[in-house]
């Protein structure tokens, strides 16, 4: 069973590069991003069964708590 990682800001440059490396290494990746600046950087991950995306703000405590229930890191 692979580890499940939450990446906040995953649509930005650093976040999208991190997501690519994590997915290539076999991790399950969930991204939370508001898409304020970037919108297309994650499209090529959409078909990957180990990738999930949620639009939202990392300052939303309820959203973060909900997502953290299902992740390891």
C-alpha atoms as a PDB file:
ATOM      1  CA  UNK A   1       0.000   0.000   0.000  1.00  0.00           C
ATOM      2  CA  UNK A   2       1.450   3.367  -1.018  1.00  0.00           C
ATOM      3  CA  UNK A   3       1.545   6.402   1.216  1.00  0.00           C
ATOM      4  CA  UNK A   4      -1.006   9.138   0.644  1.00  0.00           C
ATOM      5  CA  UNK A   5       0.331  12.701   0.550  1.00  0.00           C
ATOM      6  CA  UNK A   6      -1.564  16.016   0.694  1.00  0.00           C
ATOM      7  CA  UNK A   7       0.046  18.847  -1.278  1.00  0.00           C
ATOM      8  CA  UNK A   8      -1.356  22.323  -0.667  1.00  0.00           C
ATOM      9  CA  UNK A   9      -0.665  24.761  -3.462  1.00  0.00           C
ATOM     10  CA  UNK A  10      -0.058  21.864  -5.830  1.00  0.00           C
ATOM     11  CA  UNK A  11      -0.948  23.825  -8.963  1.00  0.00           C
ATOM     12  CA  UNK A  12       1.960  26.234  -8.504  1.00  0.00           C
ATOM     13  CA  UNK A  13       5.392  25.582  -9.962  1.00  0.00           C
ATOM     14  CA  UNK A  14       6.956  23.914  -6.921  1.00  0.00           C
ATOM     15  CA  UNK A  15       3.790  22.033  -6.036  1.00  0.00           C
ATOM     16  CA  UNK A  16       3.303  20.642  -9.533  1.00  0.00           C
ATOM     17  CA  UNK A  17       6.941  19.509  -9.732  1.00  0.00           C
ATOM     18  CA  UNK A  18       6.586  17.867  -6.312  1.00  0.00           C
ATOM     19  CA  UNK A  19       3.380  16.114  -7.420  1.00  0.00           C
ATOM     20  CA  UNK A  20       5.117  14.722 -10.492  1.00  0.00           C
ATOM     21  CA  UNK A  21       7.981  13.306  -8.423  1.00  0.00           C
ATOM     22  CA  UNK A  22       5.638  11.837  -5.811  1.00  0.00           C
ATOM     23  CA  UNK A  23       3.417  10.172  -8.415  1.00  0.00           C
ATOM     24  CA  UNK A  24       6.462   8.794 -10.258  1.00  0.00           C
ATOM     25  CA  UNK A  25       7.660   7.331  -6.949  1.00  0.00           C
ATOM     26  CA  UNK A  26       4.342   5.541  -6.453  1.00  0.00           C
ATOM     27  CA  UNK A  27       2.708   7.816  -3.890  1.00  0.00           C
ATOM     28  CA  UNK A  28      -0.980   8.616  -3.857  1.00  0.00           C
ATOM     29  CA  UNK A  29      -1.304  12.410  -4.138  1.00  0.00           C
ATOM     30  CA  UNK A  30      -4.140  14.738  -3.189  1.00  0.00           C
ATOM     31  CA  UNK A  31      -3.845  18.410  -4.100  1.00  0.00           C
ATOM     32  CA  UNK A  32      -5.674  21.324  -2.514  1.00  0.00           C
ATOM     33  CA  UNK A  33      -5.311  24.553  -4.477  1.00  0.00           C
ATOM     34  CA  UNK A  34      -7.379  27.686  -4.993  1.00  0.00           C
ATOM     35  CA  UNK A  35      -6.244  27.951  -8.642  1.00  0.00           C
ATOM     36  CA  UNK A  36      -5.718  31.661  -8.102  1.00  0.00           C
ATOM     37  CA  UNK A  37      -2.667  31.771 -10.372  1.00  0.00           C
ATOM     38  CA  UNK A  38      -2.299  28.466 -12.210  1.00  0.00           C
ATOM     39  CA  UNK A  39      -4.990  26.340 -13.791  1.00  0.00           C
ATOM     40  CA  UNK A  40      -3.400  24.001 -16.296  1.00  0.00           C
ATOM     41  CA  UNK A  41      -0.319  22.659 -14.532  1.00  0.00           C
ATOM     42  CA  UNK A  42      -2.104  19.602 -13.116  1.00  0.00           C
ATOM     43  CA  UNK A  43      -4.172  18.560 -16.137  1.00  0.00           C
ATOM     44  CA  UNK A  44      -1.743  15.854 -17.208  1.00  0.00           C
ATOM     45  CA  UNK A  45      -2.195  14.152 -13.806  1.00  0.00           C
ATOM     46  CA  UNK A  46      -5.994  13.945 -14.132  1.00  0.00           C
ATOM     47  CA  UNK A  47      -5.965  10.457 -15.672  1.00  0.00           C
ATOM     48  CA  UNK A  48      -3.680   9.065 -12.970  1.00  0.00           C
ATOM     49  CA  UNK A  49      -5.713   6.923 -10.530  1.00  0.00           C
ATOM     50  CA  UNK A  50      -3.347   7.948  -7.703  1.00  0.00           C
ATOM     51  CA  UNK A  51      -4.166  11.646  -8.111  1.00  0.00           C
ATOM     52  CA  UNK A  52      -7.031  13.652  -6.612  1.00  0.00           C
ATOM     53  CA  UNK A  53      -7.682  17.379  -6.802  1.00  0.00           C
ATOM     54  CA  UNK A  54      -9.791  19.612  -4.587  1.00  0.00           C
ATOM     55  CA  UNK A  55     -10.334  23.297  -5.273  1.00  0.00           C
ATOM     56  CA  UNK A  56     -10.145  25.280  -2.083  1.00  0.00           C
ATOM     57  CA  UNK A  57      -8.140  27.465   0.231  1.00  0.00           C
ATOM     58  CA  UNK A  58      -5.545  26.001   2.598  1.00  0.00           C
ATOM     59  CA  UNK A  59      -6.750  28.497   5.220  1.00  0.00           C
ATOM     60  CA  UNK A  60     -10.138  26.730   5.313  1.00  0.00           C
ATOM     61  CA  UNK A  61      -9.756  24.756   8.533  1.00  0.00           C
ATOM     62  CA  UNK A  62     -12.753  22.494   7.893  1.00  0.00           C
ATOM     63  CA  UNK A  63     -11.489  21.570   4.402  1.00  0.00           C
ATOM     64  CA  UNK A  64      -7.977  20.830   5.689  1.00  0.00           C
ATOM     65  CA  UNK A  65      -9.291  18.686   8.548  1.00  0.00           C
ATOM     66  CA  UNK A  66     -11.487  16.759   6.128  1.00  0.00           C
ATOM     67  CA  UNK A  67      -8.588  16.070   3.742  1.00  0.00           C
ATOM     68  CA  UNK A  68      -6.124  15.190   6.500  1.00  0.00           C
ATOM     69  CA  UNK A  69      -8.347  12.320   7.662  1.00  0.00           C
ATOM     70  CA  UNK A  70      -7.368  10.312   4.588  1.00  0.00           C
ATOM     71  CA  UNK A  71      -3.669  11.125   4.177  1.00  0.00           C
ATOM     72  CA  UNK A  72      -0.448   9.878   5.764  1.00  0.00           C
ATOM     73  CA  UNK A  73       1.678  12.973   5.159  1.00  0.00           C
END
